[in-house]
PDB file of N, CA and C in Angstrom:
ATOM      1  N   MET A   1      17.342   8.481 -22.260  1.00  0.00           N
ATOM      2  CA  MET A   1      16.196   7.643 -21.992  1.00  0.00           C
ATOM      3  C   MET A   1      16.231   7.250 -20.514  1.00  0.00           C
ATOM      4  N   ILE A   2      15.055   7.167 -19.912  1.00  0.00           N
ATOM      5  CA  ILE A   2      14.922   6.796 -18.514  1.00  0.00           C
ATOM      6  C   ILE A   2      14.446   5.349 -18.429  1.00  0.00           C
ATOM      7  N   ALA A   3      15.093   4.563 -17.592  1.00  0.00           N
ATOM      8  CA  ALA A   3      14.666   3.191 -17.353  1.00  0.00           C
ATOM      9  C   ALA A   3      13.621   3.193 -16.247  1.00  0.00           C
ATOM     10  N   LEU A   4      12.538   2.474 -16.456  1.00  0.00           N
ATOM     11  CA  LEU A   4      11.524   2.267 -15.428  1.00  0.00           C
ATOM     12  C   LEU A   4      11.581   0.793 -15.063  1.00  0.00           C
ATOM     13  N   TYR A   5      11.840   0.495 -13.799  1.00  0.00           N
ATOM     14  CA  TYR A   5      11.988  -0.894 -13.392  1.00  0.00           C
ATOM     15  C   TYR A   5      10.925  -1.268 -12.370  1.00  0.00           C
ATOM     16  N   ALA A   6      10.187  -2.322 -12.679  1.00  0.00           N
ATOM     17  CA  ALA A   6       9.189  -2.870 -11.766  1.00  0.00           C
ATOM     18  C   ALA A   6       9.523  -4.340 -11.540  1.00  0.00           C
ATOM     19  N   ARG A   7       9.277  -4.793 -10.312  1.00  0.00           N
ATOM     20  CA  ARG A   7       9.495  -6.205  -9.999  1.00  0.00           C
ATOM     21  C   ARG A   7       8.361  -6.701  -9.125  1.00  0.00           C
ATOM     22  N   ILE A   8       7.851  -7.856  -9.501  1.00  0.00           N
ATOM     23  CA  ILE A   8       6.893  -8.555  -8.663  1.00  0.00           C
ATOM     24  C   ILE A   8       7.479  -9.922  -8.367  1.00  0.00           C
ATOM     25  N   SER A   9       7.068 -10.512  -7.249  1.00  0.00           N
ATOM     26  CA  SER A   9       7.689 -11.751  -6.792  1.00  0.00           C
ATOM     27  C   SER A   9       7.197 -12.997  -7.496  1.00  0.00           C
ATOM     28  N   LYS A  10       5.963 -12.985  -7.944  1.00  0.00           N
ATOM     29  CA  LYS A  10       5.377 -14.194  -8.531  1.00  0.00           C
ATOM     30  C   LYS A  10       4.668 -13.873  -9.830  1.00  0.00           C
ATOM     31  N   VAL A  11       4.617 -14.860 -10.709  1.00  0.00           N
ATOM     32  CA  VAL A  11       4.019 -14.688 -12.023  1.00  0.00           C
ATOM     33  C   VAL A  11       2.565 -14.242 -11.940  1.00  0.00           C
ATOM     34  N   GLY A  12       1.793 -14.711 -10.988  1.00  0.00           N
ATOM     35  CA  GLY A  12       0.376 -14.373 -10.897  1.00  0.00           C
ATOM     36  C   GLY A  12       0.090 -12.984 -10.348  1.00  0.00           C
ATOM     37  N   MET A  13       1.111 -12.291  -9.865  1.00  0.00           N
ATOM     38  CA  MET A  13       0.913 -10.963  -9.297  1.00  0.00           C
ATOM     39  C   MET A  13       0.811  -9.924 -10.406  1.00  0.00           C
ATOM     40  N   ASP A  14       0.320  -8.738 -10.058  1.00  0.00           N
ATOM     41  CA  ASP A  14       0.082  -7.676 -11.036  1.00  0.00           C
ATOM     42  C   ASP A  14       1.032  -6.501 -10.784  1.00  0.00           C
ATOM     43  N   GLU A  15       1.801  -6.149 -11.777  1.00  0.00           N
ATOM     44  CA  GLU A  15       2.756  -5.045 -11.657  1.00  0.00           C
ATOM     45  C   GLU A  15       2.190  -3.701 -12.090  1.00  0.00           C
ATOM     46  N   SER A  16       0.928  -3.653 -12.479  1.00  0.00           N
ATOM     47  CA  SER A  16       0.370  -2.438 -13.082  1.00  0.00           C
ATOM     48  C   SER A  16       0.433  -1.223 -12.157  1.00  0.00           C
ATOM     49  N   ARG A  17       0.251  -1.391 -10.850  1.00  0.00           N
ATOM     50  CA  ARG A  17       0.325  -0.252  -9.930  1.00  0.00           C
ATOM     51  C   ARG A  17       1.706   0.386  -9.975  1.00  0.00           C
ATOM     52  N   GLN A  18       2.742  -0.447  -9.938  1.00  0.00           N
ATOM     53  CA  GLN A  18       4.106   0.078 -10.011  1.00  0.00           C
ATOM     54  C   GLN A  18       4.347   0.795 -11.332  1.00  0.00           C
ATOM     55  N   VAL A  19       3.947   0.165 -12.426  1.00  0.00           N
ATOM     56  CA  VAL A  19       4.181   0.721 -13.761  1.00  0.00           C
ATOM     57  C   VAL A  19       3.446   2.051 -13.930  1.00  0.00           C
ATOM     58  N   GLU A  20       2.191   2.103 -13.529  1.00  0.00           N
ATOM     59  CA  GLU A  20       1.415   3.347 -13.657  1.00  0.00           C
ATOM     60  C   GLU A  20       2.048   4.478 -12.843  1.00  0.00           C
ATOM     61  N   ASN A  21       2.470   4.174 -11.626  1.00  0.00           N
ATOM     62  CA  ASN A  21       3.098   5.192 -10.792  1.00  0.00           C
ATOM     63  C   ASN A  21       4.425   5.664 -11.375  1.00  0.00           C
ATOM     64  N   LEU A  22       5.216   4.751 -11.899  1.00  0.00           N
ATOM     65  CA  LEU A  22       6.488   5.131 -12.528  1.00  0.00           C
ATOM     66  C   LEU A  22       6.255   6.017 -13.749  1.00  0.00           C
ATOM     67  N   LYS A  23       5.279   5.665 -14.565  1.00  0.00           N
ATOM     68  CA  LYS A  23       4.989   6.461 -15.763  1.00  0.00           C
ATOM     69  C   LYS A  23       4.528   7.863 -15.397  1.00  0.00           C
ATOM     70  N   ARG A  24       3.818   8.004 -14.282  1.00  0.00           N
ATOM     71  CA  ARG A  24       3.412   9.328 -13.819  1.00  0.00           C
ATOM     72  C   ARG A  24       4.624  10.170 -13.429  1.00  0.00           C
ATOM     73  N   VAL A  25       5.616   9.527 -12.840  1.00  0.00           N
ATOM     74  CA  VAL A  25       6.826  10.236 -12.410  1.00  0.00           C
ATOM     75  C   VAL A  25       7.571  10.809 -13.601  1.00  0.00           C
ATOM     76  N   VAL A  26       7.701  10.057 -14.684  1.00  0.00           N
ATOM     77  CA  VAL A  26       8.498  10.521 -15.833  1.00  0.00           C
ATOM     78  C   VAL A  26       7.682  11.305 -16.854  1.00  0.00           C
ATOM     79  N   GLY A  27       6.365  11.230 -16.760  1.00  0.00           N
ATOM     80  CA  GLY A  27       5.529  11.986 -17.693  1.00  0.00           C
ATOM     81  C   GLY A  27       5.787  11.605 -19.137  1.00  0.00           C
ATOM     82  N   ASP A  28       6.052  12.610 -19.968  1.00  0.00           N
ATOM     83  CA  ASP A  28       6.260  12.376 -21.398  1.00  0.00           C
ATOM     84  C   ASP A  28       7.718  12.101 -21.764  1.00  0.00           C
ATOM     85  N   SER A  29       8.582  12.012 -20.776  1.00  0.00           N
ATOM     86  CA  SER A  29      10.001  11.761 -21.057  1.00  0.00           C
ATOM     87  C   SER A  29      10.172  10.389 -21.713  1.00  0.00           C
ATOM     88  N   PRO A  30      11.121  10.283 -22.649  1.00  0.00           N
ATOM     89  CA  PRO A  30      11.378   8.975 -23.269  1.00  0.00           C
ATOM     90  C   PRO A  30      11.806   7.974 -22.189  1.00  0.00           C
ATOM     91  N   HIS A  31      11.220   6.793 -22.239  1.00  0.00           N
ATOM     92  CA  HIS A  31      11.545   5.790 -21.240  1.00  0.00           C
ATOM     93  C   HIS A  31      11.448   4.384 -21.820  1.00  0.00           C
ATOM     94  N   LYS A  32      12.055   3.449 -21.117  1.00  0.00           N
ATOM     95  CA  LYS A  32      11.974   2.030 -21.459  1.00  0.00           C
ATOM     96  C   LYS A  32      11.578   1.297 -20.194  1.00  0.00           C
ATOM     97  N   LEU A  33      10.597   0.422 -20.314  1.00  0.00           N
ATOM     98  CA  LEU A  33      10.073  -0.313 -19.176  1.00  0.00           C
ATOM     99  C   LEU A  33      10.741  -1.683 -19.074  1.00  0.00           C
ATOM    100  N   PHE A  34      11.164  -2.028 -17.871  1.00  0.00           N
ATOM    101  CA  PHE A  34      11.746  -3.327 -17.552  1.00  0.00           C
ATOM    102  C   PHE A  34      10.908  -3.928 -16.427  1.00  0.00           C
ATOM    103  N   VAL A  35      10.389  -5.136 -16.613  1.00  0.00           N
ATOM    104  CA  VAL A  35       9.589  -5.799 -15.578  1.00  0.00           C
ATOM    105  C   VAL A  35      10.112  -7.209 -15.373  1.00  0.00           C
ATOM    106  N   ASP A  36      10.484  -7.508 -14.127  1.00  0.00           N
ATOM    107  CA  ASP A  36      10.878  -8.868 -13.763  1.00  0.00           C
ATOM    108  C   ASP A  36       9.817  -9.462 -12.863  1.00  0.00           C
ATOM    109  N   LYS A  37       9.555 -10.735 -13.060  1.00  0.00           N
ATOM    110  CA  LYS A  37       8.645 -11.492 -12.195  1.00  0.00           C
ATOM    111  C   LYS A  37       9.507 -12.543 -11.516  1.00  0.00           C
ATOM    112  N   ILE A  38      10.137 -12.116 -10.402  1.00  0.00           N
ATOM    113  CA  ILE A  38      11.144 -12.933  -9.744  1.00  0.00           C
ATOM    114  C   ILE A  38      11.318 -12.443  -8.311  1.00  0.00           C
ATOM    115  N   SER A  39      11.786 -13.299  -7.451  1.00  0.00           N
ATOM    116  CA  SER A  39      11.998 -12.944  -6.052  1.00  0.00           C
ATOM    117  C   SER A  39      13.023 -11.821  -5.905  1.00  0.00           C
ATOM    118  N   GLY A  40      12.801 -10.960  -4.943  1.00  0.00           N
ATOM    119  CA  GLY A  40      13.740  -9.883  -4.656  1.00  0.00           C
ATOM    120  C   GLY A  40      15.048 -10.374  -4.066  1.00  0.00           C
ATOM    121  N   THR A  41      15.109 -11.636  -3.683  1.00  0.00           N
ATOM    122  CA  THR A  41      16.356 -12.188  -3.151  1.00  0.00           C
ATOM    123  C   THR A  41      17.344 -12.542  -4.265  1.00  0.00           C
ATOM    124  N   VAL A  42      16.868 -12.616  -5.507  1.00  0.00           N
ATOM    125  CA  VAL A  42      17.752 -12.880  -6.654  1.00  0.00           C
ATOM    126  C   VAL A  42      18.525 -11.602  -6.957  1.00  0.00           C
ATOM    127  N   PRO A  43      19.854 -11.670  -7.018  1.00  0.00           N
ATOM    128  CA  PRO A  43      20.637 -10.463  -7.318  1.00  0.00           C
ATOM    129  C   PRO A  43      20.146  -9.772  -8.593  1.00  0.00           C
ATOM    130  N   PHE A  44      20.177  -8.460  -8.588  1.00  0.00           N
ATOM    131  CA  PHE A  44      19.635  -7.659  -9.684  1.00  0.00           C
ATOM    132  C   PHE A  44      20.165  -8.089 -11.041  1.00  0.00           C
ATOM    133  N   GLU A  45      21.468  -8.275 -11.152  1.00  0.00           N
ATOM    134  CA  GLU A  45      22.043  -8.619 -12.461  1.00  0.00           C
ATOM    135  C   GLU A  45      21.777 -10.059 -12.879  1.00  0.00           C
ATOM    136  N   ASP A  46      21.226 -10.877 -11.980  1.00  0.00           N
ATOM    137  CA  ASP A  46      20.849 -12.243 -12.326  1.00  0.00           C
ATOM    138  C   ASP A  46      19.397 -12.330 -12.781  1.00  0.00           C
ATOM    139  N   ARG A  47      18.702 -11.217 -12.751  1.00  0.00           N
ATOM    140  CA  ARG A  47      17.319 -11.165 -13.232  1.00  0.00           C
ATOM    141  C   ARG A  47      17.344 -10.843 -14.721  1.00  0.00           C
ATOM    142  N   PRO A  48      16.474 -11.454 -15.517  1.00  0.00           N
ATOM    143  CA  PRO A  48      16.510 -11.201 -16.967  1.00  0.00           C
ATOM    144  C   PRO A  48      16.440  -9.713 -17.339  1.00  0.00           C
ATOM    145  N   GLN A  49      15.457  -8.997 -16.821  1.00  0.00           N
ATOM    146  CA  GLN A  49      15.311  -7.585 -17.183  1.00  0.00           C
ATOM    147  C   GLN A  49      16.317  -6.706 -16.448  1.00  0.00           C
ATOM    148  N   GLY A  50      16.689  -7.092 -15.242  1.00  0.00           N
ATOM    149  CA  GLY A  50      17.722  -6.357 -14.512  1.00  0.00           C
ATOM    150  C   GLY A  50      19.041  -6.367 -15.265  1.00  0.00           C
ATOM    151  N   ALA A  51      19.384  -7.522 -15.830  1.00  0.00           N
ATOM    152  CA  ALA A  51      20.617  -7.643 -16.613  1.00  0.00           C
ATOM    153  C   ALA A  51      20.564  -6.755 -17.857  1.00  0.00           C
ATOM    154  N   LYS A  52      19.414  -6.713 -18.524  1.00  0.00           N
ATOM    155  CA  LYS A  52      19.266  -5.861 -19.711  1.00  0.00           C
ATOM    156  C   LYS A  52      19.398  -4.386 -19.343  1.00  0.00           C
ATOM    157  N   LEU A  53      18.776  -3.999 -18.224  1.00  0.00           N
ATOM    158  CA  LEU A  53      18.861  -2.615 -17.770  1.00  0.00           C
ATOM    159  C   LEU A  53      20.314  -2.242 -17.493  1.00  0.00           C
ATOM    160  N   MET A  54      21.029  -3.099 -16.779  1.00  0.00           N
ATOM    161  CA  MET A  54      22.427  -2.816 -16.446  1.00  0.00           C
ATOM    162  C   MET A  54      23.295  -2.731 -17.708  1.00  0.00           C
ATOM    163  N   LYS A  55      23.039  -3.583 -18.680  1.00  0.00           N
ATOM    164  CA  LYS A  55      23.809  -3.542 -19.932  1.00  0.00           C
ATOM    165  C   LYS A  55      23.594  -2.208 -20.646  1.00  0.00           C
ATOM    166  N   MET A  56      22.340  -1.769 -20.711  1.00  0.00           N
ATOM    167  CA  MET A  56      22.043  -0.481 -21.351  1.00  0.00           C
ATOM    168  C   MET A  56      22.700   0.666 -20.587  1.00  0.00           C
ATOM    169  N   ALA A  57      22.682   0.584 -19.261  1.00  0.00           N
ATOM    170  CA  ALA A  57      23.302   1.631 -18.445  1.00  0.00           C
ATOM    171  C   ALA A  57      24.807   1.684 -18.700  1.00  0.00           C
ATOM    172  N   ARG A  58      25.448   0.542 -18.732  1.00  0.00           N
ATOM    173  CA  ARG A  58      26.899   0.492 -18.979  1.00  0.00           C
ATOM    174  C   ARG A  58      27.266   0.987 -20.370  1.00  0.00           C
ATOM    175  N   ASN A  59      26.346   0.805 -21.320  1.00  0.00           N
ATOM    176  CA  ASN A  59      26.576   1.259 -22.697  1.00  0.00           C
ATOM    177  C   ASN A  59      26.236   2.737 -22.882  1.00  0.00           C
ATOM    178  N   GLY A  60      25.827   3.388 -21.812  1.00  0.00           N
ATOM    179  CA  GLY A  60      25.499   4.809 -21.885  1.00  0.00           C
ATOM    180  C   GLY A  60      24.168   5.110 -22.547  1.00  0.00           C
ATOM    181  N   GLU A  61      23.289   4.116 -22.637  1.00  0.00           N
ATOM    182  CA  GLU A  61      22.002   4.298 -23.298  1.00  0.00           C
ATOM    183  C   GLU A  61      20.920   4.857 -22.378  1.00  0.00           C
ATOM    184  N   LEU A  62      21.198   4.923 -21.076  1.00  0.00           N
ATOM    185  CA  LEU A  62      20.205   5.395 -20.107  1.00  0.00           C
ATOM    186  C   LEU A  62      20.755   6.581 -19.344  1.00  0.00           C
ATOM    187  N   GLU A  63      19.898   7.549 -19.074  1.00  0.00           N
ATOM    188  CA  GLU A  63      20.329   8.691 -18.263  1.00  0.00           C
ATOM    189  C   GLU A  63      20.025   8.465 -16.792  1.00  0.00           C
ATOM    190  N   SER A  64      19.004   7.650 -16.512  1.00  0.00           N
ATOM    191  CA  SER A  64      18.673   7.331 -15.126  1.00  0.00           C
ATOM    192  C   SER A  64      17.764   6.109 -15.086  1.00  0.00           C
ATOM    193  N   ALA A  65      17.574   5.587 -13.873  1.00  0.00           N
ATOM    194  CA  ALA A  65      16.668   4.460 -13.660  1.00  0.00           C
ATOM    195  C   ALA A  65      15.753   4.812 -12.497  1.00  0.00           C
ATOM    196  N   GLU A  66      14.482   4.528 -12.666  1.00  0.00           N
ATOM    197  CA  GLU A  66      13.481   4.805 -11.638  1.00  0.00           C
ATOM    198  C   GLU A  66      12.918   3.494 -11.110  1.00  0.00           C
ATOM    199  N   PHE A  67      12.870   3.371  -9.789  1.00  0.00           N
ATOM    200  CA  PHE A  67      12.273   2.234  -9.101  1.00  0.00           C
ATOM    201  C   PHE A  67      11.176   2.805  -8.199  1.00  0.00           C
ATOM    202  N   TRP A  68      10.015   2.150  -8.131  1.00  0.00           N
ATOM    203  CA  TRP A  68       8.958   2.677  -7.271  1.00  0.00           C
ATOM    204  C   TRP A  68       9.373   2.599  -5.808  1.00  0.00           C
ATOM    205  N   GLU A  69      10.030   1.530  -5.418  1.00  0.00           N
ATOM    206  CA  GLU A  69      10.546   1.357  -4.062  1.00  0.00           C
ATOM    207  C   GLU A  69      11.915   0.705  -4.161  1.00  0.00           C
ATOM    208  N   VAL A  70      12.775   0.983  -3.213  1.00  0.00           N
ATOM    209  CA  VAL A  70      14.103   0.376  -3.225  1.00  0.00           C
ATOM    210  C   VAL A  70      14.007  -1.144  -3.126  1.00  0.00           C
ATOM    211  N   SER A  71      12.954  -1.673  -2.510  1.00  0.00           N
ATOM    212  CA  SER A  71      12.794  -3.125  -2.401  1.00  0.00           C
ATOM    213  C   SER A  71      12.584  -3.785  -3.761  1.00  0.00           C
ATOM    214  N   ARG A  72      12.203  -2.998  -4.768  1.00  0.00           N
ATOM    215  CA  ARG A  72      12.056  -3.555  -6.121  1.00  0.00           C
ATOM    216  C   ARG A  72      13.429  -3.838  -6.717  1.00  0.00           C
ATOM    217  N   CYS A  73      14.422  -3.100  -6.280  1.00  0.00           N
ATOM    218  CA  CYS A  73      15.795  -3.318  -6.737  1.00  0.00           C
ATOM    219  C   CYS A  73      16.374  -4.568  -6.089  1.00  0.00           C
ATOM    220  N   GLY A  74      16.079  -4.765  -4.815  1.00  0.00           N
ATOM    221  CA  GLY A  74      16.578  -5.953  -4.133  1.00  0.00           C
ATOM    222  C   GLY A  74      16.244  -5.956  -2.659  1.00  0.00           C
ATOM    223  N   ARG A  75      16.386  -7.106  -2.058  1.00  0.00           N
ATOM    224  CA  ARG A  75      16.117  -7.280  -0.635  1.00  0.00           C
ATOM    225  C   ARG A  75      17.405  -7.344   0.175  1.00  0.00           C
ATOM    226  N   ASN A  76      18.519  -7.507  -0.503  1.00  0.00           N
ATOM    227  CA  ASN A  76      19.812  -7.624   0.159  1.00  0.00           C
ATOM    228  C   ASN A  76      20.538  -6.287   0.008  1.00  0.00           C
ATOM    229  N   ILE A  77      20.863  -5.641   1.119  1.00  0.00           N
ATOM    230  CA  ILE A  77      21.457  -4.294   1.066  1.00  0.00           C
ATOM    231  C   ILE A  77      22.773  -4.275   0.295  1.00  0.00           C
ATOM    232  N   ALA A  78      23.553  -5.343   0.375  1.00  0.00           N
ATOM    233  CA  ALA A  78      24.818  -5.388  -0.366  1.00  0.00           C
ATOM    234  C   ALA A  78      24.557  -5.398  -1.872  1.00  0.00           C
ATOM    235  N   ASP A  79      23.569  -6.177  -2.316  1.00  0.00           N
ATOM    236  CA  ASP A  79      23.242  -6.228  -3.749  1.00  0.00           C
ATOM    237  C   ASP A  79      22.685  -4.885  -4.219  1.00  0.00           C
ATOM    238  N   VAL A  80      21.800  -4.297  -3.431  1.00  0.00           N
ATOM    239  CA  VAL A  80      21.217  -3.001  -3.813  1.00  0.00           C
ATOM    240  C   VAL A  80      22.327  -1.953  -3.929  1.00  0.00           C
ATOM    241  N   THR A  81      23.223  -1.930  -2.962  1.00  0.00           N
ATOM    242  CA  THR A  81      24.327  -0.965  -2.989  1.00  0.00           C
ATOM    243  C   THR A  81      25.209  -1.179  -4.211  1.00  0.00           C
ATOM    244  N   ALA A  82      25.540  -2.421  -4.517  1.00  0.00           N
ATOM    245  CA  ALA A  82      26.371  -2.719  -5.693  1.00  0.00           C
ATOM    246  C   ALA A  82      25.662  -2.316  -6.979  1.00  0.00           C
ATOM    247  N   THR A  83      24.360  -2.511  -7.041  1.00  0.00           N
ATOM    248  CA  THR A  83      23.585  -2.167  -8.240  1.00  0.00           C
ATOM    249  C   THR A  83      23.551  -0.650  -8.439  1.00  0.00           C
ATOM    250  N   LEU A  84      23.340   0.081  -7.363  1.00  0.00           N
ATOM    251  CA  LEU A  84      23.196   1.530  -7.473  1.00  0.00           C
ATOM    252  C   LEU A  84      24.512   2.242  -7.739  1.00  0.00           C
ATOM    253  N   TYR A  85      25.607   1.626  -7.402  1.00  0.00           N
ATOM    254  CA  TYR A  85      26.909   2.266  -7.635  1.00  0.00           C
ATOM    255  C   TYR A  85      27.556   1.633  -8.811  1.00  0.00           C
TER     256      TYR A  85
END
């Protein structure tokens, strides 16, 4: 299963552009969508959906994770690097 991760900074914002683009990338492949509405300065594993994604990845339930932009993963290069490795 492929994880699709979208993040928007504020509750009133719309994540549909990210989600639609991610779904186009994976096509008909099985996937699970994770959406956080939280600042990119919050470490990935401290985000509700980010934590769920990481748990599934550690349990071997995901084959890959797709982010529309690296900034959706995080704004801090150290956190992004730790998340990706």
